[in-house]
Amino acid sequence: MEEKTGARPHRLTLQNRQAGSFSGIRDVVSFDENQVVLDTDLGLLTIKGKDLHVNRLTLEKGELDMDGMVDSLAYSSNEAFRRSGESLFARLFK
């Protein structure tokens, strides 16, 4: 099976639920101390926890390092997020 053109390798590394390293990140949708939402090629990744801090973000390489107590990781579709960047007419006539 071929990968999508422009798709980056996607990797998650979580150590002891407290330190995480992520690759394949397109953008950071939102973040605060209880939740980080990342846009990836595989969908939106929502990280929930306590005292979450983004230590390093390199969008050119698609990498992010963070720490804090991670309670959950969940993927969801990023189609609605992608469409929000389109014009109203493009969304109406699909």
C-alpha atoms as a PDB file:
ATOM      1  CA  MET A   1       0.000   0.000   0.000  1.00  0.00           C
ATOM      2  CA  GLU A   2       1.356   3.445  -0.898  1.00  0.00           C
ATOM      3  CA  GLU A   3       1.411   6.359   1.500  1.00  0.00           C
ATOM      4  CA  LYS A   4      -0.354   9.601   0.666  1.00  0.00           C
ATOM      5  CA  THR A   5       1.877  12.132  -1.038  1.00  0.00           C
ATOM      6  CA  GLY A   6       3.228  14.558   1.520  1.00  0.00           C
ATOM      7  CA  ALA A   7       2.329  12.287   4.437  1.00  0.00           C
ATOM      8  CA  ARG A   8       4.939  12.286   7.177  1.00  0.00           C
ATOM      9  CA  PRO A   9       5.844   9.259   9.275  1.00  0.00           C
ATOM     10  CA  HIS A  10       3.684   9.282  12.382  1.00  0.00           C
ATOM     11  CA  ARG A  11       5.164   8.156  15.693  1.00  0.00           C
ATOM     12  CA  LEU A  12       4.132   8.503  19.324  1.00  0.00           C
ATOM     13  CA  THR A  13       6.501   7.842  22.216  1.00  0.00           C
ATOM     14  CA  LEU A  14       5.158   8.175  25.740  1.00  0.00           C
ATOM     15  CA  GLN A  15       7.366   7.492  28.755  1.00  0.00           C
ATOM     16  CA  ASN A  16       5.712   6.741  32.105  1.00  0.00           C
ATOM     17  CA  ARG A  17       2.643   8.769  31.042  1.00  0.00           C
ATOM     18  CA  GLN A  18       4.681  11.934  31.717  1.00  0.00           C
ATOM     19  CA  ALA A  19       6.942  12.714  28.761  1.00  0.00           C
ATOM     20  CA  GLY A  20       5.858  12.434  25.144  1.00  0.00           C
ATOM     21  CA  SER A  21       7.490  12.822  21.756  1.00  0.00           C
ATOM     22  CA  PHE A  22       5.305  13.007  18.653  1.00  0.00           C
ATOM     23  CA  SER A  23       6.119  13.142  14.926  1.00  0.00           C
ATOM     24  CA  GLY A  24       3.890  13.531  11.879  1.00  0.00           C
ATOM     25  CA  ILE A  25       2.272  16.674  13.283  1.00  0.00           C
ATOM     26  CA  ARG A  26       0.788  19.158  10.804  1.00  0.00           C
ATOM     27  CA  ASP A  27      -0.437  21.778  13.256  1.00  0.00           C
ATOM     28  CA  VAL A  28      -1.413  22.419  16.859  1.00  0.00           C
ATOM     29  CA  VAL A  29      -5.150  23.123  16.871  1.00  0.00           C
ATOM     30  CA  SER A  30      -5.350  24.083  20.552  1.00  0.00           C
ATOM     31  CA  PHE A  31      -3.615  23.508  23.835  1.00  0.00           C
ATOM     32  CA  ASP A  32      -3.934  24.282  27.513  1.00  0.00           C
ATOM     33  CA  GLU A  33      -2.795  22.562  30.682  1.00  0.00           C
ATOM     34  CA  ASN A  34      -5.565  19.920  30.455  1.00  0.00           C
ATOM     35  CA  GLN A  35      -5.794  19.182  26.716  1.00  0.00           C
ATOM     36  CA  VAL A  36      -3.661  19.333  23.571  1.00  0.00           C
ATOM     37  CA  VAL A  37      -5.267  18.865  20.125  1.00  0.00           C
ATOM     38  CA  LEU A  38      -2.904  18.069  17.250  1.00  0.00           C
ATOM     39  CA  ASP A  39      -3.683  17.852  13.530  1.00  0.00           C
ATOM     40  CA  THR A  40      -1.921  14.830  12.005  1.00  0.00           C
ATOM     41  CA  ASP A  41      -2.103  13.052   8.650  1.00  0.00           C
ATOM     42  CA  LEU A  42      -4.042  10.287  10.411  1.00  0.00           C
ATOM     43  CA  GLY A  43      -6.644  12.551  12.033  1.00  0.00           C
ATOM     44  CA  LEU A  44      -6.954  14.856  15.008  1.00  0.00           C
ATOM     45  CA  LEU A  45      -5.087  13.571  18.055  1.00  0.00           C
ATOM     46  CA  THR A  46      -6.508  14.732  21.394  1.00  0.00           C
ATOM     47  CA  ILE A  47      -4.271  14.338  24.433  1.00  0.00           C
ATOM     48  CA  LYS A  48      -5.966  14.830  27.806  1.00  0.00           C
ATOM     49  CA  GLY A  49      -4.267  15.066  31.162  1.00  0.00           C
ATOM     50  CA  LYS A  50      -2.996  17.414  33.848  1.00  0.00           C
ATOM     51  CA  ASP A  51      -0.219  20.022  33.804  1.00  0.00           C
ATOM     52  CA  LEU A  52       0.462  19.468  30.089  1.00  0.00           C
ATOM     53  CA  HIS A  53       3.243  21.630  28.641  1.00  0.00           C
ATOM     54  CA  VAL A  54       4.492  21.803  25.061  1.00  0.00           C
ATOM     55  CA  ASN A  55       8.281  21.990  25.368  1.00  0.00           C
ATOM     56  CA  ARG A  56       9.275  21.942  21.689  1.00  0.00           C
ATOM     57  CA  LEU A  57       7.311  22.379  18.479  1.00  0.00           C
ATOM     58  CA  THR A  58       8.907  22.191  15.029  1.00  0.00           C
ATOM     59  CA  LEU A  59       6.211  22.314  12.350  1.00  0.00           C
ATOM     60  CA  GLU A  60       8.761  22.172   9.525  1.00  0.00           C
ATOM     61  CA  LYS A  61       9.749  18.686  10.739  1.00  0.00           C
ATOM     62  CA  GLY A  62       6.327  17.897  12.200  1.00  0.00           C
ATOM     63  CA  GLU A  63       7.695  17.212  15.689  1.00  0.00           C
ATOM     64  CA  LEU A  64       6.416  18.037  19.169  1.00  0.00           C
ATOM     65  CA  ASP A  65       7.740  17.263  22.661  1.00  0.00           C
ATOM     66  CA  MET A  66       5.568  17.670  25.741  1.00  0.00           C
ATOM     67  CA  ASP A  67       5.388  16.718  29.389  1.00  0.00           C
ATOM     68  CA  GLY A  68       2.728  16.405  32.079  1.00  0.00           C
ATOM     69  CA  MET A  69       0.486  13.586  33.304  1.00  0.00           C
ATOM     70  CA  VAL A  70      -1.275  12.029  30.286  1.00  0.00           C
ATOM     71  CA  ASP A  71      -4.673  10.454  30.974  1.00  0.00           C
ATOM     72  CA  SER A  72      -5.801   9.638  27.428  1.00  0.00           C
ATOM     73  CA  LEU A  73      -4.910   9.761  23.735  1.00  0.00           C
ATOM     74  CA  ALA A  74      -7.738   9.675  21.179  1.00  0.00           C
ATOM     75  CA  TYR A  75      -7.912  10.034  17.398  1.00  0.00           C
ATOM     76  CA  SER A  76     -10.855  11.517  15.525  1.00  0.00           C
ATOM     77  CA  SER A  77     -11.562  12.573  11.970  1.00  0.00           C
ATOM     78  CA  ASN A  78      -9.987  15.843  10.895  1.00  0.00           C
ATOM     79  CA  GLU A  79     -12.340  16.355   7.926  1.00  0.00           C
ATOM     80  CA  ALA A  80     -14.401  19.081   9.653  1.00  0.00           C
ATOM     81  CA  PHE A  81     -11.209  20.856  10.693  1.00  0.00           C
ATOM     82  CA  ARG A  82      -9.841  20.671   7.129  1.00  0.00           C
ATOM     83  CA  ARG A  83     -13.099  21.944   5.639  1.00  0.00           C
ATOM     84  CA  SER A  84     -13.158  24.914   7.993  1.00  0.00           C
ATOM     85  CA  GLY A  85     -10.277  26.328   5.956  1.00  0.00           C
ATOM     86  CA  GLU A  86     -12.247  26.062   2.699  1.00  0.00           C
ATOM     87  CA  SER A  87     -14.534  28.747   1.365  1.00  0.00           C
ATOM     88  CA  LEU A  88     -18.278  28.571   1.962  1.00  0.00           C
ATOM     89  CA  PHE A  89     -18.918  27.841  -1.735  1.00  0.00           C
ATOM     90  CA  ALA A  90     -16.411  24.994  -1.801  1.00  0.00           C
ATOM     91  CA  ARG A  91     -18.175  23.376   1.169  1.00  0.00           C
ATOM     92  CA  LEU A  92     -21.656  23.895  -0.309  1.00  0.00           C
ATOM     93  CA  PHE A  93     -20.894  22.402  -3.737  1.00  0.00           C
ATOM     94  CA  LYS A  94     -19.088  19.218  -2.681  1.00  0.00           C
END
